[in-house]
């Protein structure tokens, strides 16, 4: 994910989730849509935070220690 792509990915995920909720005809289908969305969102967030942490370390390592 590059700059801004996390936001776009979350927005796309939300659209898919809302569509799945609208199409759900049973209680189980609603729950399945939620669990699928939650897992996808957690993966995106973990990847995003990993990228941010690596960027932080790259910048930190460029600064000379005192």
PDB file of N, CA and C in Angstrom:
ATOM      1  N   UNK A   1       0.838  -1.174   0.000  1.00  0.00           N
ATOM      2  CA  UNK A   1       0.000   0.000   0.000  1.00  0.00           C
ATOM      3  C   UNK A   1       0.883   1.236   0.000  1.00  0.00           C
ATOM      4  N   UNK A   2       0.659   2.079  -0.944  1.00  0.00           N
ATOM      5  CA  UNK A   2       1.418   3.315  -1.008  1.00  0.00           C
ATOM      6  C   UNK A   2       0.686   4.424  -0.288  1.00  0.00           C
ATOM      7  N   UNK A   3       1.077   5.643  -0.570  1.00  0.00           N
ATOM      8  CA  UNK A   3       0.460   6.797   0.071  1.00  0.00           C
ATOM      9  C   UNK A   3      -1.010   6.877  -0.341  1.00  0.00           C
ATOM     10  N   UNK A   4      -1.892   6.917   0.643  1.00  0.00           N
ATOM     11  CA  UNK A   4      -3.312   7.069   0.377  1.00  0.00           C
ATOM     12  C   UNK A   4      -4.023   5.785   0.005  1.00  0.00           C
ATOM     13  N   UNK A   5      -3.295   4.739  -0.311  1.00  0.00           N
ATOM     14  CA  UNK A   5      -3.966   3.526  -0.750  1.00  0.00           C
ATOM     15  C   UNK A   5      -4.658   2.802   0.412  1.00  0.00           C
ATOM     16  N   UNK A   6      -4.199   3.004   1.630  1.00  0.00           N
ATOM     17  CA  UNK A   6      -4.878   2.392   2.777  1.00  0.00           C
ATOM     18  C   UNK A   6      -6.302   2.937   2.881  1.00  0.00           C
ATOM     19  N   UNK A   7      -6.426   4.235   2.730  1.00  0.00           N
ATOM     20  CA  UNK A   7      -7.749   4.869   2.803  1.00  0.00           C
ATOM     21  C   UNK A   7      -8.650   4.351   1.691  1.00  0.00           C
ATOM     22  N   UNK A   8      -8.096   4.235   0.499  1.00  0.00           N
ATOM     23  CA  UNK A   8      -8.882   3.722  -0.628  1.00  0.00           C
ATOM     24  C   UNK A   8      -9.275   2.272  -0.398  1.00  0.00           C
ATOM     25  N   UNK A   9      -8.366   1.481   0.143  1.00  0.00           N
ATOM     26  CA  UNK A   9      -8.645   0.075   0.410  1.00  0.00           C
ATOM     27  C   UNK A   9      -9.745  -0.072   1.457  1.00  0.00           C
ATOM     28  N   UNK A  10      -9.698   0.758   2.489  1.00  0.00           N
ATOM     29  CA  UNK A  10     -10.736   0.717   3.531  1.00  0.00           C
ATOM     30  C   UNK A  10     -12.088   1.118   2.939  1.00  0.00           C
ATOM     31  N   UNK A  11     -12.096   2.151   2.119  1.00  0.00           N
ATOM     32  CA  UNK A  11     -13.349   2.596   1.493  1.00  0.00           C
ATOM     33  C   UNK A  11     -13.929   1.496   0.612  1.00  0.00           C
ATOM     34  N   UNK A  12     -13.081   0.831  -0.152  1.00  0.00           N
ATOM     35  CA  UNK A  12     -13.553  -0.262  -1.010  1.00  0.00           C
ATOM     36  C   UNK A  12     -14.094  -1.411  -0.169  1.00  0.00           C
ATOM     37  N   UNK A  13     -13.406  -1.716   0.920  1.00  0.00           N
ATOM     38  CA  UNK A  13     -13.855  -2.775   1.813  1.00  0.00           C
ATOM     39  C   UNK A  13     -15.218  -2.430   2.412  1.00  0.00           C
ATOM     40  N   UNK A  14     -15.389  -1.184   2.807  1.00  0.00           N
ATOM     41  CA  UNK A  14     -16.668  -0.747   3.374  1.00  0.00           C
ATOM     42  C   UNK A  14     -17.795  -0.869   2.351  1.00  0.00           C
ATOM     43  N   UNK A  15     -17.502  -0.508   1.094  1.00  0.00           N
ATOM     44  CA  UNK A  15     -18.519  -0.631   0.039  1.00  0.00           C
ATOM     45  C   UNK A  15     -18.926  -2.091  -0.146  1.00  0.00           C
ATOM     46  N   UNK A  16     -17.931  -2.988  -0.176  1.00  0.00           N
ATOM     47  CA  UNK A  16     -18.237  -4.417  -0.314  1.00  0.00           C
ATOM     48  C   UNK A  16     -19.061  -4.913   0.866  1.00  0.00           C
ATOM     49  N   UNK A  17     -18.725  -4.464   2.058  1.00  0.00           N
ATOM     50  CA  UNK A  17     -19.457  -4.876   3.261  1.00  0.00           C
ATOM     51  C   UNK A  17     -20.904  -4.399   3.210  1.00  0.00           C
ATOM     52  N   UNK A  18     -21.099  -3.141   2.853  1.00  0.00           N
ATOM     53  CA  UNK A  18     -22.459  -2.596   2.775  1.00  0.00           C
ATOM     54  C   UNK A  18     -23.284  -3.331   1.722  1.00  0.00           C
ATOM     55  N   UNK A  19     -22.663  -3.657   0.596  1.00  0.00           N
ATOM     56  CA  UNK A  19     -23.354  -4.406  -0.455  1.00  0.00           C
ATOM     57  C   UNK A  19     -23.741  -5.789   0.055  1.00  0.00           C
ATOM     58  N   UNK A  20     -22.821  -6.445   0.756  1.00  0.00           N
ATOM     59  CA  UNK A  20     -23.103  -7.778   1.299  1.00  0.00           C
ATOM     60  C   UNK A  20     -24.240  -7.716   2.312  1.00  0.00           C
ATOM     61  N   UNK A  21     -24.277  -6.657   3.124  1.00  0.00           N
ATOM     62  CA  UNK A  21     -25.364  -6.518   4.103  1.00  0.00           C
ATOM     63  C   UNK A  21     -26.711  -6.342   3.412  1.00  0.00           C
ATOM     64  N   UNK A  22     -26.717  -5.552   2.359  1.00  0.00           N
ATOM     65  CA  UNK A  22     -27.974  -5.325   1.626  1.00  0.00           C
ATOM     66  C   UNK A  22     -28.479  -6.607   0.971  1.00  0.00           C
ATOM     67  N   UNK A  23     -27.556  -7.452   0.520  1.00  0.00           N
ATOM     68  CA  UNK A  23     -27.938  -8.685  -0.162  1.00  0.00           C
ATOM     69  C   UNK A  23     -28.268  -9.813   0.799  1.00  0.00           C
ATOM     70  N   UNK A  24     -27.854  -9.701   2.038  1.00  0.00           N
ATOM     71  CA  UNK A  24     -28.063 -10.770   3.021  1.00  0.00           C
ATOM     72  C   UNK A  24     -29.546 -10.962   3.285  1.00  0.00           C
ATOM     73  N   UNK A  25     -29.956 -12.213   3.241  1.00  0.00           N
ATOM     74  CA  UNK A  25     -31.369 -12.538   3.468  1.00  0.00           C
ATOM     75  C   UNK A  25     -31.593 -13.300   4.772  1.00  0.00           C
ATOM     76  N   UNK A  26     -30.487 -13.716   5.405  1.00  0.00           N
ATOM     77  CA  UNK A  26     -30.620 -14.456   6.663  1.00  0.00           C
ATOM     78  C   UNK A  26     -29.713 -13.825   7.718  1.00  0.00           C
ATOM     79  N   UNK A  27     -29.999 -14.162   8.945  1.00  0.00           N
ATOM     80  CA  UNK A  27     -29.165 -13.666  10.043  1.00  0.00           C
ATOM     81  C   UNK A  27     -27.735 -14.184   9.901  1.00  0.00           C
ATOM     82  N   UNK A  28     -27.602 -15.432   9.472  1.00  0.00           N
ATOM     83  CA  UNK A  28     -26.278 -16.017   9.315  1.00  0.00           C
ATOM     84  C   UNK A  28     -25.499 -15.325   8.199  1.00  0.00           C
ATOM     85  N   UNK A  29     -26.176 -14.941   7.141  1.00  0.00           N
ATOM     86  CA  UNK A  29     -25.514 -14.241   6.038  1.00  0.00           C
ATOM     87  C   UNK A  29     -24.988 -12.882   6.502  1.00  0.00           C
ATOM     88  N   UNK A  30     -25.742 -12.228   7.371  1.00  0.00           N
ATOM     89  CA  UNK A  30     -25.296 -10.944   7.925  1.00  0.00           C
ATOM     90  C   UNK A  30     -24.036 -11.145   8.765  1.00  0.00           C
ATOM     91  N   UNK A  31     -24.060 -12.156   9.621  1.00  0.00           N
ATOM     92  CA  UNK A  31     -22.892 -12.443  10.455  1.00  0.00           C
ATOM     93  C   UNK A  31     -21.681 -12.839   9.617  1.00  0.00           C
ATOM     94  N   UNK A  32     -21.896 -13.645   8.596  1.00  0.00           N
ATOM     95  CA  UNK A  32     -20.797 -14.052   7.730  1.00  0.00           C
ATOM     96  C   UNK A  32     -20.179 -12.847   7.029  1.00  0.00           C
ATOM     97  N   UNK A  33     -21.014 -11.921   6.583  1.00  0.00           N
ATOM     98  CA  UNK A  33     -20.511 -10.710   5.936  1.00  0.00           C
ATOM     99  C   UNK A  33     -19.669  -9.905   6.923  1.00  0.00           C
ATOM    100  N   UNK A  34     -20.140  -9.814   8.155  1.00  0.00           N
ATOM    101  CA  UNK A  34     -19.389  -9.074   9.170  1.00  0.00           C
ATOM    102  C   UNK A  34     -18.044  -9.718   9.443  1.00  0.00           C
ATOM    103  N   UNK A  35     -18.010 -11.030   9.668  1.00  0.00           N
ATOM    104  CA  UNK A  35     -16.757 -11.708  10.006  1.00  0.00           C
ATOM    105  C   UNK A  35     -15.752 -11.615   8.866  1.00  0.00           C
ATOM    106  N   UNK A  36     -16.248 -11.744   7.637  1.00  0.00           N
ATOM    107  CA  UNK A  36     -15.362 -11.624   6.475  1.00  0.00           C
ATOM    108  C   UNK A  36     -14.780 -10.213   6.404  1.00  0.00           C
ATOM    109  N   UNK A  37     -15.633  -9.213   6.615  1.00  0.00           N
ATOM    110  CA  UNK A  37     -15.204  -7.814   6.581  1.00  0.00           C
ATOM    111  C   UNK A  37     -14.189  -7.539   7.699  1.00  0.00           C
ATOM    112  N   UNK A  38     -14.460  -8.043   8.878  1.00  0.00           N
ATOM    113  CA  UNK A  38     -13.564  -7.817  10.022  1.00  0.00           C
ATOM    114  C   UNK A  38     -12.180  -8.397   9.753  1.00  0.00           C
ATOM    115  N   UNK A  39     -12.137  -9.617   9.237  1.00  0.00           N
ATOM    116  CA  UNK A  39     -10.853 -10.260   8.945  1.00  0.00           C
ATOM    117  C   UNK A  39     -10.086  -9.471   7.888  1.00  0.00           C
ATOM    118  N   UNK A  40     -10.786  -9.044   6.851  1.00  0.00           N
ATOM    119  CA  UNK A  40     -10.147  -8.260   5.792  1.00  0.00           C
ATOM    120  C   UNK A  40      -9.609  -6.942   6.351  1.00  0.00           C
ATOM    121  N   UNK A  41     -10.400  -6.293   7.177  1.00  0.00           N
ATOM    122  CA  UNK A  41      -9.988  -5.006   7.748  1.00  0.00           C
ATOM    123  C   UNK A  41      -8.778  -5.179   8.674  1.00  0.00           C
ATOM    124  N   UNK A  42      -8.769  -6.230   9.464  1.00  0.00           N
ATOM    125  CA  UNK A  42      -7.631  -6.478  10.355  1.00  0.00           C
ATOM    126  C   UNK A  42      -6.353  -6.727   9.567  1.00  0.00           C
ATOM    127  N   UNK A  43      -6.452  -7.454   8.443  1.00  0.00           N
ATOM    128  CA  UNK A  43      -5.279  -7.691   7.592  1.00  0.00           C
ATOM    129  C   UNK A  43      -4.764  -6.374   7.019  1.00  0.00           C
ATOM    130  N   UNK A  44      -5.681  -5.530   6.522  1.00  0.00           N
ATOM    131  CA  UNK A  44      -5.273  -4.248   5.956  1.00  0.00           C
ATOM    132  C   UNK A  44      -4.608  -3.369   7.010  1.00  0.00           C
ATOM    133  N   UNK A  45      -5.186  -3.336   8.212  1.00  0.00           N
ATOM    134  CA  UNK A  45      -4.632  -2.510   9.271  1.00  0.00           C
ATOM    135  C   UNK A  45      -3.251  -3.003   9.692  1.00  0.00           C
ATOM    136  N   UNK A  46      -3.093  -4.303   9.828  1.00  0.00           N
ATOM    137  CA  UNK A  46      -1.793  -4.855  10.212  1.00  0.00           C
ATOM    138  C   UNK A  46      -0.733  -4.515   9.168  1.00  0.00           C
ATOM    139  N   UNK A  47      -1.096  -4.646   7.901  1.00  0.00           N
ATOM    140  CA  UNK A  47      -0.150  -4.322   6.833  1.00  0.00           C
ATOM    141  C   UNK A  47       0.194  -2.836   6.855  1.00  0.00           C
ATOM    142  N   UNK A  48      -0.803  -2.013   7.048  1.00  0.00           N
ATOM    143  CA  UNK A  48      -0.602  -0.563   7.083  1.00  0.00           C
ATOM    144  C   UNK A  48       0.317  -0.163   8.241  1.00  0.00           C
ATOM    145  N   UNK A  49       0.064  -0.714   9.418  1.00  0.00           N
ATOM    146  CA  UNK A  49       0.892  -0.380  10.576  1.00  0.00           C
ATOM    147  C   UNK A  49       2.315  -0.893  10.414  1.00  0.00           C
ATOM    148  N   UNK A  50       2.473  -2.046   9.786  1.00  0.00           N
ATOM    149  CA  UNK A  50       3.806  -2.578   9.528  1.00  0.00           C
ATOM    150  C   UNK A  50       4.575  -1.638   8.602  1.00  0.00           C
ATOM    151  N   UNK A  51       3.904  -1.136   7.567  1.00  0.00           N
ATOM    152  CA  UNK A  51       4.547  -0.203   6.641  1.00  0.00           C
ATOM    153  C   UNK A  51       4.909   1.108   7.343  1.00  0.00           C
ATOM    154  N   UNK A  52       4.018   1.599   8.183  1.00  0.00           N
ATOM    155  CA  UNK A  52       4.303   2.838   8.913  1.00  0.00           C
ATOM    156  C   UNK A  52       5.487   2.647   9.859  1.00  0.00           C
ATOM    157  N   UNK A  53       5.556   1.501  10.517  1.00  0.00           N
ATOM    158  CA  UNK A  53       6.652   1.240  11.447  1.00  0.00           C
ATOM    159  C   UNK A  53       7.982   1.152  10.704  1.00  0.00           C
ATOM    160  N   UNK A  54       7.982   0.514   9.542  1.00  0.00           N
ATOM    161  CA  UNK A  54       9.229   0.416   8.774  1.00  0.00           C
ATOM    162  C   UNK A  54       9.655   1.795   8.282  1.00  0.00           C
ATOM    163  N   UNK A  55       8.706   2.636   7.908  1.00  0.00           N
ATOM    164  CA  UNK A  55       9.031   4.014   7.503  1.00  0.00           C
ATOM    165  C   UNK A  55       9.608   4.785   8.690  1.00  0.00           C
ATOM    166  N   UNK A  56       9.039   4.591   9.860  1.00  0.00           N
ATOM    167  CA  UNK A  56       9.545   5.236  11.069  1.00  0.00           C
ATOM    168  C   UNK A  56      10.981   4.805  11.341  1.00  0.00           C
ATOM    169  N   UNK A  57      11.244   3.513  11.237  1.00  0.00           N
ATOM    170  CA  UNK A  57      12.603   3.014  11.470  1.00  0.00           C
ATOM    171  C   UNK A  57      13.586   3.543  10.431  1.00  0.00           C
ATOM    172  N   UNK A  58      13.159   3.617   9.170  1.00  0.00           N
ATOM    173  CA  UNK A  58      14.044   4.159   8.134  1.00  0.00           C
ATOM    174  C   UNK A  58      14.442   5.590   8.464  1.00  0.00           C
ATOM    175  N   UNK A  59      13.474   6.402   8.853  1.00  0.00           N
ATOM    176  CA  UNK A  59      13.756   7.799   9.191  1.00  0.00           C
ATOM    177  C   UNK A  59      14.606   7.894  10.453  1.00  0.00           C
ATOM    178  N   UNK A  60      14.306   7.076  11.428  1.00  0.00           N
ATOM    179  CA  UNK A  60      15.050   7.081  12.690  1.00  0.00           C
ATOM    180  C   UNK A  60      16.511   6.728  12.443  1.00  0.00           C
ATOM    181  N   UNK A  61      16.744   5.749  11.577  1.00  0.00           N
ATOM    182  CA  UNK A  61      18.116   5.287  11.324  1.00  0.00           C
ATOM    183  C   UNK A  61      18.942   6.317  10.554  1.00  0.00           C
ATOM    184  N   UNK A  62      18.282   7.269   9.899  1.00  0.00           N
ATOM    185  CA  UNK A  62      19.017   8.316   9.176  1.00  0.00           C
ATOM    186  C   UNK A  62      19.534   9.391  10.127  1.00  0.00           C
ATOM    187  N   UNK A  63      18.964   9.464  11.322  1.00  0.00           N
ATOM    188  CA  UNK A  63      19.364  10.467  12.295  1.00  0.00           C
ATOM    189  C   UNK A  63      20.542   9.909  13.089  1.00  0.00           C
ATOM    190  N   UNK A  64      21.611  10.686  13.154  1.00  0.00           N
ATOM    191  CA  UNK A  64      22.807  10.230  13.873  1.00  0.00           C
ATOM    192  C   UNK A  64      22.535  10.168  15.369  1.00  0.00           C
ATOM    193  N   UNK A  65      23.000   9.095  16.012  1.00  0.00           N
ATOM    194  CA  UNK A  65      22.814   8.992  17.468  1.00  0.00           C
ATOM    195  C   UNK A  65      23.684  10.032  18.186  1.00  0.00           C
ATOM    196  N   UNK A  66      23.253  10.389  19.369  1.00  0.00           N
ATOM    197  CA  UNK A  66      23.982  11.410  20.132  1.00  0.00           C
ATOM    198  C   UNK A  66      25.029  10.812  20.992  1.00  0.00           C
TER     199      UNK A  66
END
